[in-house]
Amino acid sequence: MTLTVGMITVDSLDAVALGRWWAEQVGGEVVQENDGWFVVVAVPGAAYQLAFQKVERPTPGKNKVHLDLVAEDLDAEVARLESAGADQVATQTMEDFRWVTMADPEGNYFDVAQAEG
């Protein structure tokens, strides 16, 4: 038996707002809002969904979700994400591979790398 990723879930203070933000960034669609407590985003062409669950307060020491994303034009995508409310945290390089660590509007980190090709 093999496990597959069905959903990537993120704790959030405002699940609806963050779910809608991520839906816009990945060209997805909010498909469930569940009274604001659990928001599901369908991602075009993906075998998984993104989910955002409302928490009253973040759990100290709890791991944050980490997404790795790719972009055709890394610099343009980083600029677009910043204008949409993301913050740039760090730029990393390993030989010919470069990526940018960013934070979404609630401080959840994610990486954006240049698509190979």
PDB file of N, CA and C in Angstrom:
ATOM      1  N   MET A   1       0.840  -1.177   0.000  1.00  0.00           N
ATOM      2  CA  MET A   1       0.000   0.000   0.000  1.00  0.00           C
ATOM      3  C   MET A   1       0.884   1.238   0.000  1.00  0.00           C
ATOM      4  N   THR A   2       0.479   2.255  -0.767  1.00  0.00           N
ATOM      5  CA  THR A   2       1.227   3.497  -0.876  1.00  0.00           C
ATOM      6  C   THR A   2       0.379   4.657  -0.394  1.00  0.00           C
ATOM      7  N   LEU A   3       0.997   5.558   0.338  1.00  0.00           N
ATOM      8  CA  LEU A   3       0.318   6.780   0.760  1.00  0.00           C
ATOM      9  C   LEU A   3       0.521   7.856  -0.295  1.00  0.00           C
ATOM     10  N   THR A   4      -0.478   8.676  -0.532  1.00  0.00           N
ATOM     11  CA  THR A   4      -0.350   9.816  -1.426  1.00  0.00           C
ATOM     12  C   THR A   4      -0.802  11.072  -0.696  1.00  0.00           C
ATOM     13  N   VAL A   5      -0.313  12.179  -1.107  1.00  0.00           N
ATOM     14  CA  VAL A   5      -0.716  13.440  -0.495  1.00  0.00           C
ATOM     15  C   VAL A   5      -2.111  13.791  -0.979  1.00  0.00           C
ATOM     16  N   GLY A   6      -3.037  13.971  -0.054  1.00  0.00           N
ATOM     17  CA  GLY A   6      -4.395  14.370  -0.407  1.00  0.00           C
ATOM     18  C   GLY A   6      -4.632  15.830  -0.126  1.00  0.00           C
ATOM     19  N   MET A   7      -3.953  16.352   0.916  1.00  0.00           N
ATOM     20  CA  MET A   7      -4.180  17.723   1.337  1.00  0.00           C
ATOM     21  C   MET A   7      -2.963  18.198   2.118  1.00  0.00           C
ATOM     22  N   ILE A   8      -2.635  19.420   1.949  1.00  0.00           N
ATOM     23  CA  ILE A   8      -1.609  20.055   2.773  1.00  0.00           C
ATOM     24  C   ILE A   8      -2.354  21.067   3.626  1.00  0.00           C
ATOM     25  N   THR A   9      -2.307  20.887   4.945  1.00  0.00           N
ATOM     26  CA  THR A   9      -3.124  21.688   5.853  1.00  0.00           C
ATOM     27  C   THR A   9      -2.266  22.659   6.649  1.00  0.00           C
ATOM     28  N   VAL A  10      -2.765  23.877   6.774  1.00  0.00           N
ATOM     29  CA  VAL A  10      -2.064  24.946   7.468  1.00  0.00           C
ATOM     30  C   VAL A  10      -2.954  25.483   8.581  1.00  0.00           C
ATOM     31  N   ASP A  11      -2.421  25.589   9.798  1.00  0.00           N
ATOM     32  CA  ASP A  11      -3.137  26.271  10.869  1.00  0.00           C
ATOM     33  C   ASP A  11      -3.184  27.762  10.548  1.00  0.00           C
ATOM     34  N   SER A  12      -4.307  28.405  10.863  1.00  0.00           N
ATOM     35  CA  SER A  12      -4.480  29.801  10.494  1.00  0.00           C
ATOM     36  C   SER A  12      -5.373  30.518  11.490  1.00  0.00           C
ATOM     37  N   LEU A  13      -5.082  31.784  11.737  1.00  0.00           N
ATOM     38  CA  LEU A  13      -5.954  32.597  12.581  1.00  0.00           C
ATOM     39  C   LEU A  13      -7.213  33.007  11.828  1.00  0.00           C
ATOM     40  N   ASP A  14      -7.118  33.158  10.502  1.00  0.00           N
ATOM     41  CA  ASP A  14      -8.258  33.517   9.656  1.00  0.00           C
ATOM     42  C   ASP A  14      -8.215  32.609   8.427  1.00  0.00           C
ATOM     43  N   ALA A  15      -8.821  31.432   8.550  1.00  0.00           N
ATOM     44  CA  ALA A  15      -8.743  30.408   7.507  1.00  0.00           C
ATOM     45  C   ALA A  15      -9.333  30.876   6.184  1.00  0.00           C
ATOM     46  N   VAL A  16     -10.415  31.623   6.227  1.00  0.00           N
ATOM     47  CA  VAL A  16     -11.052  32.089   4.991  1.00  0.00           C
ATOM     48  C   VAL A  16     -10.126  33.047   4.247  1.00  0.00           C
ATOM     49  N   ALA A  17      -9.608  34.047   4.937  1.00  0.00           N
ATOM     50  CA  ALA A  17      -8.740  35.039   4.283  1.00  0.00           C
ATOM     51  C   ALA A  17      -7.477  34.386   3.729  1.00  0.00           C
ATOM     52  N   LEU A  18      -6.847  33.529   4.512  1.00  0.00           N
ATOM     53  CA  LEU A  18      -5.612  32.909   4.048  1.00  0.00           C
ATOM     54  C   LEU A  18      -5.883  31.901   2.931  1.00  0.00           C
ATOM     55  N   GLY A  19      -6.981  31.158   3.034  1.00  0.00           N
ATOM     56  CA  GLY A  19      -7.347  30.234   1.971  1.00  0.00           C
ATOM     57  C   GLY A  19      -7.603  30.956   0.658  1.00  0.00           C
ATOM     58  N   ARG A  20      -8.310  32.071   0.728  1.00  0.00           N
ATOM     59  CA  ARG A  20      -8.574  32.865  -0.483  1.00  0.00           C
ATOM     60  C   ARG A  20      -7.280  33.446  -1.043  1.00  0.00           C
ATOM     61  N   TRP A  21      -6.386  33.881  -0.166  1.00  0.00           N
ATOM     62  CA  TRP A  21      -5.101  34.423  -0.614  1.00  0.00           C
ATOM     63  C   TRP A  21      -4.319  33.368  -1.383  1.00  0.00           C
ATOM     64  N   TRP A  22      -4.219  32.169  -0.801  1.00  0.00           N
ATOM     65  CA  TRP A  22      -3.475  31.105  -1.481  1.00  0.00           C
ATOM     66  C   TRP A  22      -4.176  30.664  -2.762  1.00  0.00           C
ATOM     67  N   ALA A  23      -5.491  30.624  -2.787  1.00  0.00           N
ATOM     68  CA  ALA A  23      -6.214  30.262  -4.016  1.00  0.00           C
ATOM     69  C   ALA A  23      -5.833  31.218  -5.142  1.00  0.00           C
ATOM     70  N   GLU A  24      -5.763  32.501  -4.823  1.00  0.00           N
ATOM     71  CA  GLU A  24      -5.386  33.489  -5.837  1.00  0.00           C
ATOM     72  C   GLU A  24      -3.948  33.283  -6.303  1.00  0.00           C
ATOM     73  N   GLN A  25      -3.047  32.978  -5.378  1.00  0.00           N
ATOM     74  CA  GLN A  25      -1.632  32.844  -5.740  1.00  0.00           C
ATOM     75  C   GLN A  25      -1.364  31.640  -6.637  1.00  0.00           C
ATOM     76  N   VAL A  26      -2.088  30.537  -6.451  1.00  0.00           N
ATOM     77  CA  VAL A  26      -1.841  29.316  -7.241  1.00  0.00           C
ATOM     78  C   VAL A  26      -2.851  29.134  -8.365  1.00  0.00           C
ATOM     79  N   GLY A  27      -3.716  30.126  -8.586  1.00  0.00           N
ATOM     80  CA  GLY A  27      -4.730  30.006  -9.631  1.00  0.00           C
ATOM     81  C   GLY A  27      -5.772  28.962  -9.304  1.00  0.00           C
ATOM     82  N   GLY A  28      -6.012  28.751  -8.020  1.00  0.00           N
ATOM     83  CA  GLY A  28      -6.961  27.738  -7.571  1.00  0.00           C
ATOM     84  C   GLY A  28      -8.320  28.325  -7.239  1.00  0.00           C
ATOM     85  N   GLU A  29      -9.110  27.503  -6.558  1.00  0.00           N
ATOM     86  CA  GLU A  29     -10.472  27.903  -6.220  1.00  0.00           C
ATOM     87  C   GLU A  29     -10.821  27.375  -4.833  1.00  0.00           C
ATOM     88  N   VAL A  30     -11.410  28.237  -4.021  1.00  0.00           N
ATOM     89  CA  VAL A  30     -11.917  27.788  -2.730  1.00  0.00           C
ATOM     90  C   VAL A  30     -13.148  26.934  -3.018  1.00  0.00           C
ATOM     91  N   VAL A  31     -13.101  25.650  -2.605  1.00  0.00           N
ATOM     92  CA  VAL A  31     -14.214  24.741  -2.890  1.00  0.00           C
ATOM     93  C   VAL A  31     -15.043  24.420  -1.648  1.00  0.00           C
ATOM     94  N   GLN A  32     -14.520  24.747  -0.465  1.00  0.00           N
ATOM     95  CA  GLN A  32     -15.269  24.569   0.784  1.00  0.00           C
ATOM     96  C   GLN A  32     -14.822  25.640   1.770  1.00  0.00           C
ATOM     97  N   GLU A  33     -15.781  26.192   2.520  1.00  0.00           N
ATOM     98  CA  GLU A  33     -15.422  27.157   3.563  1.00  0.00           C
ATOM     99  C   GLU A  33     -15.823  26.688   4.955  1.00  0.00           C
ATOM    100  N   ASN A  34     -16.739  25.770   5.085  1.00  0.00           N
ATOM    101  CA  ASN A  34     -17.089  25.147   6.366  1.00  0.00           C
ATOM    102  C   ASN A  34     -17.179  26.137   7.526  1.00  0.00           C
ATOM    103  N   ASP A  35     -18.009  27.158   7.360  1.00  0.00           N
ATOM    104  CA  ASP A  35     -18.229  28.173   8.390  1.00  0.00           C
ATOM    105  C   ASP A  35     -16.944  28.847   8.862  1.00  0.00           C
ATOM    106  N   GLY A  36     -15.935  28.910   7.982  1.00  0.00           N
ATOM    107  CA  GLY A  36     -14.696  29.592   8.312  1.00  0.00           C
ATOM    108  C   GLY A  36     -13.717  28.807   9.141  1.00  0.00           C
ATOM    109  N   TRP A  37     -14.079  27.582   9.525  1.00  0.00           N
ATOM    110  CA  TRP A  37     -13.183  26.792  10.378  1.00  0.00           C
ATOM    111  C   TRP A  37     -12.241  25.899   9.594  1.00  0.00           C
ATOM    112  N   PHE A  38     -12.630  25.504   8.389  1.00  0.00           N
ATOM    113  CA  PHE A  38     -11.787  24.639   7.569  1.00  0.00           C
ATOM    114  C   PHE A  38     -12.054  24.967   6.109  1.00  0.00           C
ATOM    115  N   VAL A  39     -11.078  25.560   5.460  1.00  0.00           N
ATOM    116  CA  VAL A  39     -11.224  26.024   4.078  1.00  0.00           C
ATOM    117  C   VAL A  39     -10.374  25.143   3.177  1.00  0.00           C
ATOM    118  N   VAL A  40     -10.968  24.674   2.073  1.00  0.00           N
ATOM    119  CA  VAL A  40     -10.270  23.789   1.134  1.00  0.00           C
ATOM    120  C   VAL A  40     -10.103  24.513  -0.197  1.00  0.00           C
ATOM    121  N   VAL A  41      -8.889  24.449  -0.738  1.00  0.00           N
ATOM    122  CA  VAL A  41      -8.560  25.065  -2.016  1.00  0.00           C
ATOM    123  C   VAL A  41      -8.177  23.974  -3.002  1.00  0.00           C
ATOM    124  N   ALA A  42      -8.890  23.918  -4.141  1.00  0.00           N
ATOM    125  CA  ALA A  42      -8.532  23.010  -5.229  1.00  0.00           C
ATOM    126  C   ALA A  42      -7.449  23.691  -6.057  1.00  0.00           C
ATOM    127  N   VAL A  43      -6.389  22.952  -6.344  1.00  0.00           N
ATOM    128  CA  VAL A  43      -5.256  23.467  -7.112  1.00  0.00           C
ATOM    129  C   VAL A  43      -5.308  22.854  -8.509  1.00  0.00           C
ATOM    130  N   PRO A  44      -5.396  23.678  -9.559  1.00  0.00           N
ATOM    131  CA  PRO A  44      -5.506  23.139 -10.913  1.00  0.00           C
ATOM    132  C   PRO A  44      -4.370  22.171 -11.252  1.00  0.00           C
ATOM    133  N   GLY A  45      -4.733  20.998 -11.765  1.00  0.00           N
ATOM    134  CA  GLY A  45      -3.756  20.018 -12.201  1.00  0.00           C
ATOM    135  C   GLY A  45      -3.044  19.262 -11.095  1.00  0.00           C
ATOM    136  N   ALA A  46      -3.390  19.519  -9.851  1.00  0.00           N
ATOM    137  CA  ALA A  46      -2.702  18.862  -8.726  1.00  0.00           C
ATOM    138  C   ALA A  46      -3.509  17.686  -8.211  1.00  0.00           C
ATOM    139  N   ALA A  47      -2.805  16.706  -7.691  1.00  0.00           N
ATOM    140  CA  ALA A  47      -3.452  15.536  -7.103  1.00  0.00           C
ATOM    141  C   ALA A  47      -3.749  15.757  -5.615  1.00  0.00           C
ATOM    142  N   TYR A  48      -3.509  16.957  -5.133  1.00  0.00           N
ATOM    143  CA  TYR A  48      -3.731  17.283  -3.726  1.00  0.00           C
ATOM    144  C   TYR A  48      -4.521  18.577  -3.636  1.00  0.00           C
ATOM    145  N   GLN A  49      -4.981  18.902  -2.450  1.00  0.00           N
ATOM    146  CA  GLN A  49      -5.642  20.168  -2.184  1.00  0.00           C
ATOM    147  C   GLN A  49      -4.910  20.862  -1.054  1.00  0.00           C
ATOM    148  N   LEU A  50      -5.072  22.162  -0.966  1.00  0.00           N
ATOM    149  CA  LEU A  50      -4.569  22.926   0.166  1.00  0.00           C
ATOM    150  C   LEU A  50      -5.731  23.152   1.127  1.00  0.00           C
ATOM    151  N   ALA A  51      -5.454  23.085   2.414  1.00  0.00           N
ATOM    152  CA  ALA A  51      -6.499  23.316   3.406  1.00  0.00           C
ATOM    153  C   ALA A  51      -5.966  24.250   4.493  1.00  0.00           C
ATOM    154  N   PHE A  52      -6.876  25.037   5.051  1.00  0.00           N
ATOM    155  CA  PHE A  52      -6.528  26.004   6.084  1.00  0.00           C
ATOM    156  C   PHE A  52      -7.530  25.845   7.210  1.00  0.00           C
ATOM    157  N   GLN A  53      -7.031  25.479   8.400  1.00  0.00           N
ATOM    158  CA  GLN A  53      -7.932  25.269   9.535  1.00  0.00           C
ATOM    159  C   GLN A  53      -7.717  26.371  10.558  1.00  0.00           C
ATOM    160  N   LYS A  54      -8.823  26.900  11.036  1.00  0.00           N
ATOM    161  CA  LYS A  54      -8.774  27.988  11.997  1.00  0.00           C
ATOM    162  C   LYS A  54      -8.360  27.461  13.364  1.00  0.00           C
ATOM    163  N   VAL A  55      -7.415  28.166  13.976  1.00  0.00           N
ATOM    164  CA  VAL A  55      -7.015  27.880  15.343  1.00  0.00           C
ATOM    165  C   VAL A  55      -7.168  29.164  16.142  1.00  0.00           C
ATOM    166  N   GLU A  56      -7.531  29.038  17.394  1.00  0.00           N
ATOM    167  CA  GLU A  56      -7.706  30.222  18.233  1.00  0.00           C
ATOM    168  C   GLU A  56      -6.379  30.928  18.484  1.00  0.00           C
ATOM    169  N   ARG A  57      -5.322  30.129  18.646  1.00  0.00           N
ATOM    170  CA  ARG A  57      -3.980  30.687  18.797  1.00  0.00           C
ATOM    171  C   ARG A  57      -2.992  29.624  18.359  1.00  0.00           C
ATOM    172  N   PRO A  58      -1.884  30.050  17.757  1.00  0.00           N
ATOM    173  CA  PRO A  58      -0.882  29.076  17.304  1.00  0.00           C
ATOM    174  C   PRO A  58      -0.351  28.244  18.465  1.00  0.00           C
ATOM    175  N   THR A  59      -0.079  26.978  18.204  1.00  0.00           N
ATOM    176  CA  THR A  59       0.478  26.090  19.211  1.00  0.00           C
ATOM    177  C   THR A  59       1.980  26.324  19.297  1.00  0.00           C
ATOM    178  N   PRO A  60       2.506  26.729  20.461  1.00  0.00           N
ATOM    179  CA  PRO A  60       3.944  26.964  20.583  1.00  0.00           C
ATOM    180  C   PRO A  60       4.746  25.704  20.213  1.00  0.00           C
ATOM    181  N   GLY A  61       5.782  25.892  19.414  1.00  0.00           N
ATOM    182  CA  GLY A  61       6.661  24.781  19.052  1.00  0.00           C
ATOM    183  C   GLY A  61       6.138  23.898  17.936  1.00  0.00           C
ATOM    184  N   LYS A  62       4.906  24.119  17.487  1.00  0.00           N
ATOM    185  CA  LYS A  62       4.352  23.284  16.429  1.00  0.00           C
ATOM    186  C   LYS A  62       5.014  23.628  15.100  1.00  0.00           C
ATOM    187  N   ASN A  63       5.357  22.597  14.320  1.00  0.00           N
ATOM    188  CA  ASN A  63       5.963  22.819  13.018  1.00  0.00           C
ATOM    189  C   ASN A  63       5.004  23.558  12.109  1.00  0.00           C
ATOM    190  N   LYS A  64       5.556  24.453  11.315  1.00  0.00           N
ATOM    191  CA  LYS A  64       4.762  25.139  10.296  1.00  0.00           C
ATOM    192  C   LYS A  64       4.856  24.342   9.001  1.00  0.00           C
ATOM    193  N   VAL A  65       3.876  24.508   8.165  1.00  0.00           N
ATOM    194  CA  VAL A  65       3.860  23.839   6.863  1.00  0.00           C
ATOM    195  C   VAL A  65       4.859  24.531   5.950  1.00  0.00           C
ATOM    196  N   HIS A  66       5.489  23.746   5.110  1.00  0.00           N
ATOM    197  CA  HIS A  66       6.483  24.277   4.188  1.00  0.00           C
ATOM    198  C   HIS A  66       6.128  23.830   2.781  1.00  0.00           C
ATOM    199  N   LEU A  67       5.834  24.770   1.899  1.00  0.00           N
ATOM    200  CA  LEU A  67       5.534  24.468   0.507  1.00  0.00           C
ATOM    201  C   LEU A  67       6.733  24.847  -0.355  1.00  0.00           C
ATOM    202  N   ASP A  68       7.052  23.998  -1.330  1.00  0.00           N
ATOM    203  CA  ASP A  68       8.071  24.314  -2.326  1.00  0.00           C
ATOM    204  C   ASP A  68       7.363  24.534  -3.652  1.00  0.00           C
ATOM    205  N   LEU A  69       7.530  25.729  -4.213  1.00  0.00           N
ATOM    206  CA  LEU A  69       6.852  26.122  -5.445  1.00  0.00           C
ATOM    207  C   LEU A  69       7.895  26.452  -6.503  1.00  0.00           C
ATOM    208  N   VAL A  70       7.527  26.327  -7.768  1.00  0.00           N
ATOM    209  CA  VAL A  70       8.431  26.700  -8.856  1.00  0.00           C
ATOM    210  C   VAL A  70       7.772  27.779  -9.715  1.00  0.00           C
ATOM    211  N   ALA A  71       8.612  28.610 -10.359  1.00  0.00           N
ATOM    212  CA  ALA A  71       8.120  29.701 -11.206  1.00  0.00           C
ATOM    213  C   ALA A  71       8.960  29.771 -12.476  1.00  0.00           C
ATOM    214  N   GLU A  72       8.317  30.142 -13.575  1.00  0.00           N
ATOM    215  CA  GLU A  72       9.035  30.319 -14.844  1.00  0.00           C
ATOM    216  C   GLU A  72      10.022  31.480 -14.748  1.00  0.00           C
ATOM    217  N   ASP A  73       9.621  32.571 -14.074  1.00  0.00           N
ATOM    218  CA  ASP A  73      10.470  33.747 -13.888  1.00  0.00           C
ATOM    219  C   ASP A  73      10.502  34.043 -12.392  1.00  0.00           C
ATOM    220  N   LEU A  74      11.540  33.565 -11.730  1.00  0.00           N
ATOM    221  CA  LEU A  74      11.621  33.644 -10.269  1.00  0.00           C
ATOM    222  C   LEU A  74      11.506  35.076  -9.769  1.00  0.00           C
ATOM    223  N   ASP A  75      12.287  35.988 -10.344  1.00  0.00           N
ATOM    224  CA  ASP A  75      12.294  37.364  -9.844  1.00  0.00           C
ATOM    225  C   ASP A  75      10.937  38.044 -10.022  1.00  0.00           C
ATOM    226  N   ALA A  76      10.307  37.819 -11.156  1.00  0.00           N
ATOM    227  CA  ALA A  76       8.990  38.413 -11.394  1.00  0.00           C
ATOM    228  C   ALA A  76       7.957  37.833 -10.432  1.00  0.00           C
ATOM    229  N   GLU A  77       8.040  36.540 -10.165  1.00  0.00           N
ATOM    230  CA  GLU A  77       7.073  35.909  -9.259  1.00  0.00           C
ATOM    231  C   GLU A  77       7.271  36.380  -7.827  1.00  0.00           C
ATOM    232  N   VAL A  78       8.528  36.541  -7.406  1.00  0.00           N
ATOM    233  CA  VAL A  78       8.798  37.052  -6.064  1.00  0.00           C
ATOM    234  C   VAL A  78       8.218  38.466  -5.932  1.00  0.00           C
ATOM    235  N   ALA A  79       8.420  39.292  -6.936  1.00  0.00           N
ATOM    236  CA  ALA A  79       7.867  40.655  -6.904  1.00  0.00           C
ATOM    237  C   ALA A  79       6.349  40.623  -6.854  1.00  0.00           C
ATOM    238  N   ARG A  80       5.724  39.746  -7.624  1.00  0.00           N
ATOM    239  CA  ARG A  80       4.261  39.647  -7.633  1.00  0.00           C
ATOM    240  C   ARG A  80       3.754  39.216  -6.266  1.00  0.00           C
ATOM    241  N   LEU A  81       4.407  38.207  -5.669  1.00  0.00           N
ATOM    242  CA  LEU A  81       3.993  37.720  -4.356  1.00  0.00           C
ATOM    243  C   LEU A  81       4.147  38.807  -3.294  1.00  0.00           C
ATOM    244  N   GLU A  82       5.228  39.569  -3.365  1.00  0.00           N
ATOM    245  CA  GLU A  82       5.407  40.672  -2.416  1.00  0.00           C
ATOM    246  C   GLU A  82       4.289  41.702  -2.566  1.00  0.00           C
ATOM    247  N   SER A  83       3.918  42.022  -3.802  1.00  0.00           N
ATOM    248  CA  SER A  83       2.849  43.001  -3.999  1.00  0.00           C
ATOM    249  C   SER A  83       1.496  42.463  -3.535  1.00  0.00           C
ATOM    250  N   ALA A  84       1.377  41.127  -3.425  1.00  0.00           N
ATOM    251  CA  ALA A  84       0.134  40.508  -2.949  1.00  0.00           C
ATOM    252  C   ALA A  84       0.125  40.331  -1.434  1.00  0.00           C
ATOM    253  N   GLY A  85       1.206  40.733  -0.762  1.00  0.00           N
ATOM    254  CA  GLY A  85       1.218  40.665   0.698  1.00  0.00           C
ATOM    255  C   GLY A  85       2.222  39.709   1.305  1.00  0.00           C
ATOM    256  N   ALA A  86       3.002  38.997   0.494  1.00  0.00           N
ATOM    257  CA  ALA A  86       4.034  38.096   1.023  1.00  0.00           C
ATOM    258  C   ALA A  86       5.286  38.911   1.353  1.00  0.00           C
ATOM    259  N   ASP A  87       6.114  38.373   2.241  1.00  0.00           N
ATOM    260  CA  ASP A  87       7.392  39.001   2.590  1.00  0.00           C
ATOM    261  C   ASP A  87       8.537  38.096   2.169  1.00  0.00           C
ATOM    262  N   GLN A  88       9.587  38.706   1.649  1.00  0.00           N
ATOM    263  CA  GLN A  88      10.791  37.947   1.314  1.00  0.00           C
ATOM    264  C   GLN A  88      11.610  37.776   2.583  1.00  0.00           C
ATOM    265  N   VAL A  89      12.004  36.522   2.883  1.00  0.00           N
ATOM    266  CA  VAL A  89      12.754  36.213   4.094  1.00  0.00           C
ATOM    267  C   VAL A  89      14.232  36.050   3.787  1.00  0.00           C
ATOM    268  N   ALA A  90      14.556  35.289   2.737  1.00  0.00           N
ATOM    269  CA  ALA A  90      15.956  35.018   2.400  1.00  0.00           C
ATOM    270  C   ALA A  90      16.061  34.531   0.960  1.00  0.00           C
ATOM    271  N   THR A  91      17.226  34.756   0.373  1.00  0.00           N
ATOM    272  CA  THR A  91      17.537  34.205  -0.940  1.00  0.00           C
ATOM    273  C   THR A  91      18.663  33.209  -0.758  1.00  0.00           C
ATOM    274  N   GLN A  92      18.503  32.031  -1.340  1.00  0.00           N
ATOM    275  CA  GLN A  92      19.490  30.957  -1.187  1.00  0.00           C
ATOM    276  C   GLN A  92      20.010  30.539  -2.560  1.00  0.00           C
ATOM    277  N   THR A  93      21.267  30.116  -2.610  1.00  0.00           N
ATOM    278  CA  THR A  93      21.856  29.609  -3.842  1.00  0.00           C
ATOM    279  C   THR A  93      22.671  28.369  -3.512  1.00  0.00           C
ATOM    280  N   MET A  94      22.525  27.354  -4.350  1.00  0.00           N
ATOM    281  CA  MET A  94      23.320  26.132  -4.228  1.00  0.00           C
ATOM    282  C   MET A  94      23.765  25.767  -5.638  1.00  0.00           C
ATOM    283  N   GLU A  95      25.021  26.034  -5.939  1.00  0.00           N
ATOM    284  CA  GLU A  95      25.558  25.869  -7.287  1.00  0.00           C
ATOM    285  C   GLU A  95      24.718  26.691  -8.258  1.00  0.00           C
ATOM    286  N   ASP A  96      24.059  26.084  -9.240  1.00  0.00           N
ATOM    287  CA  ASP A  96      23.256  26.817 -10.216  1.00  0.00           C
ATOM    288  C   ASP A  96      21.790  26.938  -9.810  1.00  0.00           C
ATOM    289  N   PHE A  97      21.445  26.462  -8.612  1.00  0.00           N
ATOM    290  CA  PHE A  97      20.053  26.452  -8.166  1.00  0.00           C
ATOM    291  C   PHE A  97      19.829  27.603  -7.192  1.00  0.00           C
ATOM    292  N   ARG A  98      18.815  28.422  -7.466  1.00  0.00           N
ATOM    293  CA  ARG A  98      18.505  29.574  -6.612  1.00  0.00           C
ATOM    294  C   ARG A  98      17.041  29.507  -6.203  1.00  0.00           C
ATOM    295  N   TRP A  99      16.760  29.831  -4.948  1.00  0.00           N
ATOM    296  CA  TRP A  99      15.387  29.901  -4.475  1.00  0.00           C
ATOM    297  C   TRP A  99      15.252  31.011  -3.449  1.00  0.00           C
ATOM    298  N   VAL A 100      14.006  31.443  -3.258  1.00  0.00           N
ATOM    299  CA  VAL A 100      13.706  32.515  -2.320  1.00  0.00           C
ATOM    300  C   VAL A 100      12.738  31.975  -1.275  1.00  0.00           C
ATOM    301  N   THR A 101      13.086  32.161  -0.010  1.00  0.00           N
ATOM    302  CA  THR A 101      12.180  31.812   1.083  1.00  0.00           C
ATOM    303  C   THR A 101      11.324  33.041   1.356  1.00  0.00           C
ATOM    304  N   MET A 102      10.012  32.806   1.407  1.00  0.00           N
ATOM    305  CA  MET A 102       9.052  33.888   1.612  1.00  0.00           C
ATOM    306  C   MET A 102       8.113  33.521   2.754  1.00  0.00           C
ATOM    307  N   ALA A 103       7.359  34.506   3.207  1.00  0.00           N
ATOM    308  CA  ALA A 103       6.348  34.282   4.240  1.00  0.00           C
ATOM    309  C   ALA A 103       5.021  34.823   3.724  1.00  0.00           C
ATOM    310  N   ASP A 104       3.950  34.032   3.885  1.00  0.00           N
ATOM    311  CA  ASP A 104       2.622  34.490   3.478  1.00  0.00           C
ATOM    312  C   ASP A 104       2.120  35.536   4.483  1.00  0.00           C
ATOM    313  N   PRO A 105       0.930  36.105   4.303  1.00  0.00           N
ATOM    314  CA  PRO A 105       0.465  37.164   5.202  1.00  0.00           C
ATOM    315  C   PRO A 105       0.371  36.787   6.681  1.00  0.00           C
ATOM    316  N   GLU A 106       0.340  35.485   7.012  1.00  0.00           N
ATOM    317  CA  GLU A 106       0.313  35.094   8.426  1.00  0.00           C
ATOM    318  C   GLU A 106       1.659  34.575   8.913  1.00  0.00           C
ATOM    319  N   GLY A 107       2.707  34.714   8.098  1.00  0.00           N
ATOM    320  CA  GLY A 107       4.046  34.337   8.521  1.00  0.00           C
ATOM    321  C   GLY A 107       4.451  32.908   8.224  1.00  0.00           C
ATOM    322  N   ASN A 108       3.631  32.148   7.489  1.00  0.00           N
ATOM    323  CA  ASN A 108       3.991  30.784   7.112  1.00  0.00           C
ATOM    324  C   ASN A 108       5.022  30.830   5.989  1.00  0.00           C
ATOM    325  N   TYR A 109       6.151  30.163   6.188  1.00  0.00           N
ATOM    326  CA  TYR A 109       7.213  30.179   5.192  1.00  0.00           C
ATOM    327  C   TYR A 109       6.909  29.247   4.027  1.00  0.00           C
ATOM    328  N   PHE A 110       7.377  29.643   2.851  1.00  0.00           N
ATOM    329  CA  PHE A 110       7.345  28.798   1.656  1.00  0.00           C
ATOM    330  C   PHE A 110       8.507  29.218   0.766  1.00  0.00           C
ATOM    331  N   ASP A 111       8.929  28.298  -0.108  1.00  0.00           N
ATOM    332  CA  ASP A 111      10.034  28.575  -1.011  1.00  0.00           C
ATOM    333  C   ASP A 111       9.540  28.670  -2.444  1.00  0.00           C
ATOM    334  N   VAL A 112      10.169  29.551  -3.207  1.00  0.00           N
ATOM    335  CA  VAL A 112       9.894  29.668  -4.631  1.00  0.00           C
ATOM    336  C   VAL A 112      11.226  29.526  -5.354  1.00  0.00           C
ATOM    337  N   ALA A 113      11.264  28.597  -6.311  1.00  0.00           N
ATOM    338  CA  ALA A 113      12.490  28.330  -7.073  1.00  0.00           C
ATOM    339  C   ALA A 113      12.235  28.544  -8.552  1.00  0.00           C
ATOM    340  N   GLN A 114      13.298  28.756  -9.285  1.00  0.00           N
ATOM    341  CA  GLN A 114      13.222  28.880 -10.736  1.00  0.00           C
ATOM    342  C   GLN A 114      12.901  27.517 -11.324  1.00  0.00           C
ATOM    343  N   ALA A 115      11.907  27.453 -12.215  1.00  0.00           N
ATOM    344  CA  ALA A 115      11.593  26.207 -12.900  1.00  0.00           C
ATOM    345  C   ALA A 115      12.758  25.806 -13.782  1.00  0.00           C
ATOM    346  N   GLU A 116      13.043  24.532 -13.809  1.00  0.00           N
ATOM    347  CA  GLU A 116      14.110  24.038 -14.675  1.00  0.00           C
ATOM    348  C   GLU A 116      13.644  24.059 -16.111  1.00  0.00           C
ATOM    349  N   GLY A 117      14.551  24.365 -16.993  1.00  0.00           N
ATOM    350  CA  GLY A 117      14.107  24.239 -18.358  1.00  0.00           C
ATOM    351  C   GLY A 117      14.755  25.139 -19.275  1.00  0.00           C
TER     352      GLY A 117
END
